[in-house]
């Protein structure tokens, strides 16, 4: 694997030109993003290919959480 090259801006944010950075995706879009770029933990398990090690998720609706919590307690 080739080493990653990245810049860090004044605010400590990575600037490596990857097209998925600085984007917000809806639930209906995330599967396409994962299909195109893969899961970071699969291609960057040890962090040698950049800072990505996970996909951050923000949930702005309680409904998905209710289903997850109900499943967890069954």
C-alpha atoms as a PDB file:
ATOM      1  CA  UNK A   1       0.000   0.000   0.000  1.00  0.00           C
ATOM      2  CA  UNK A   2       1.186   3.488  -0.733  1.00  0.00           C
ATOM      3  CA  UNK A   3       1.457   5.905   2.179  1.00  0.00           C
ATOM      4  CA  UNK A   4      -1.213   8.558   2.449  1.00  0.00           C
ATOM      5  CA  UNK A   5      -0.419  12.205   1.861  1.00  0.00           C
ATOM      6  CA  UNK A   6      -2.553  14.764   3.559  1.00  0.00           C
ATOM      7  CA  UNK A   7      -2.538  18.378   4.635  1.00  0.00           C
ATOM      8  CA  UNK A   8      -3.886  19.683   7.887  1.00  0.00           C
ATOM      9  CA  UNK A   9      -5.478  23.122   7.761  1.00  0.00           C
ATOM     10  CA  UNK A  10      -5.418  25.801  10.477  1.00  0.00           C
ATOM     11  CA  UNK A  11      -8.320  24.165  12.319  1.00  0.00           C
ATOM     12  CA  UNK A  12      -6.685  20.738  12.380  1.00  0.00           C
ATOM     13  CA  UNK A  13      -8.938  19.289   9.668  1.00  0.00           C
ATOM     14  CA  UNK A  14      -7.555  16.885   7.077  1.00  0.00           C
ATOM     15  CA  UNK A  15      -7.525  18.149   3.509  1.00  0.00           C
ATOM     16  CA  UNK A  16      -6.703  15.281   1.196  1.00  0.00           C
ATOM     17  CA  UNK A  17      -9.202  15.983  -1.599  1.00  0.00           C
ATOM     18  CA  UNK A  18     -11.242  12.814  -1.045  1.00  0.00           C
ATOM     19  CA  UNK A  19     -14.693  13.397  -2.574  1.00  0.00           C
ATOM     20  CA  UNK A  20     -16.658  12.141   0.424  1.00  0.00           C
ATOM     21  CA  UNK A  21     -15.145  14.671   2.832  1.00  0.00           C
ATOM     22  CA  UNK A  22     -17.124  17.737   3.916  1.00  0.00           C
ATOM     23  CA  UNK A  23     -20.374  16.107   2.805  1.00  0.00           C
ATOM     24  CA  UNK A  24     -23.610  15.195   4.517  1.00  0.00           C
ATOM     25  CA  UNK A  25     -25.408  12.083   3.287  1.00  0.00           C
ATOM     26  CA  UNK A  26     -28.974  11.006   3.885  1.00  0.00           C
ATOM     27  CA  UNK A  27     -29.716   7.469   5.006  1.00  0.00           C
ATOM     28  CA  UNK A  28     -30.873   6.677   1.479  1.00  0.00           C
ATOM     29  CA  UNK A  29     -27.451   7.711   0.096  1.00  0.00           C
ATOM     30  CA  UNK A  30     -25.016   6.084   2.519  1.00  0.00           C
ATOM     31  CA  UNK A  31     -25.216   2.615   0.932  1.00  0.00           C
ATOM     32  CA  UNK A  32     -23.992   4.080  -2.370  1.00  0.00           C
ATOM     33  CA  UNK A  33     -21.109   5.831  -0.608  1.00  0.00           C
ATOM     34  CA  UNK A  34     -20.072   2.595   1.125  1.00  0.00           C
ATOM     35  CA  UNK A  35     -20.398   0.645  -2.124  1.00  0.00           C
ATOM     36  CA  UNK A  36     -18.175   3.147  -3.927  1.00  0.00           C
ATOM     37  CA  UNK A  37     -15.507   3.684  -1.243  1.00  0.00           C
ATOM     38  CA  UNK A  38     -15.888   0.673   1.055  1.00  0.00           C
ATOM     39  CA  UNK A  39     -15.870   0.527   4.831  1.00  0.00           C
ATOM     40  CA  UNK A  40     -12.789   2.329   6.178  1.00  0.00           C
ATOM     41  CA  UNK A  41     -12.152  -0.353   8.772  1.00  0.00           C
ATOM     42  CA  UNK A  42     -11.811  -2.857   5.910  1.00  0.00           C
ATOM     43  CA  UNK A  43      -9.230  -0.930   3.849  1.00  0.00           C
ATOM     44  CA  UNK A  44      -7.553   1.006   6.666  1.00  0.00           C
ATOM     45  CA  UNK A  45      -7.523  -1.350   9.608  1.00  0.00           C
ATOM     46  CA  UNK A  46      -4.248  -0.066  11.045  1.00  0.00           C
ATOM     47  CA  UNK A  47      -4.633   3.611  10.063  1.00  0.00           C
ATOM     48  CA  UNK A  48      -1.724   3.555   7.615  1.00  0.00           C
ATOM     49  CA  UNK A  49      -3.890   4.933   4.770  1.00  0.00           C
ATOM     50  CA  UNK A  50      -5.094   8.078   6.487  1.00  0.00           C
ATOM     51  CA  UNK A  51      -7.225   9.176   9.393  1.00  0.00           C
ATOM     52  CA  UNK A  52     -10.396   7.343   8.444  1.00  0.00           C
ATOM     53  CA  UNK A  53     -11.100   4.375  10.657  1.00  0.00           C
ATOM     54  CA  UNK A  54     -14.895   4.556  10.931  1.00  0.00           C
ATOM     55  CA  UNK A  55     -17.986   6.202   9.465  1.00  0.00           C
ATOM     56  CA  UNK A  56     -19.494   8.873  11.703  1.00  0.00           C
ATOM     57  CA  UNK A  57     -23.267   8.871  11.954  1.00  0.00           C
ATOM     58  CA  UNK A  58     -25.526  11.564  13.327  1.00  0.00           C
ATOM     59  CA  UNK A  59     -29.175  10.676  13.823  1.00  0.00           C
ATOM     60  CA  UNK A  60     -31.552  13.622  13.833  1.00  0.00           C
ATOM     61  CA  UNK A  61     -34.713  11.618  14.384  1.00  0.00           C
ATOM     62  CA  UNK A  62     -35.738   9.394  17.295  1.00  0.00           C
ATOM     63  CA  UNK A  63     -37.575   6.831  15.145  1.00  0.00           C
ATOM     64  CA  UNK A  64     -34.482   4.827  14.013  1.00  0.00           C
ATOM     65  CA  UNK A  65     -33.222   4.745  17.584  1.00  0.00           C
ATOM     66  CA  UNK A  66     -36.507   3.365  18.868  1.00  0.00           C
ATOM     67  CA  UNK A  67     -36.265   0.411  16.478  1.00  0.00           C
ATOM     68  CA  UNK A  68     -32.649  -0.247  17.396  1.00  0.00           C
ATOM     69  CA  UNK A  69     -33.346  -0.080  21.109  1.00  0.00           C
ATOM     70  CA  UNK A  70     -36.389  -2.334  20.834  1.00  0.00           C
ATOM     71  CA  UNK A  71     -34.305  -4.906  18.934  1.00  0.00           C
ATOM     72  CA  UNK A  72     -31.519  -4.695  21.525  1.00  0.00           C
ATOM     73  CA  UNK A  73     -33.868  -5.563  24.378  1.00  0.00           C
ATOM     74  CA  UNK A  74     -35.598  -8.493  22.704  1.00  0.00           C
END
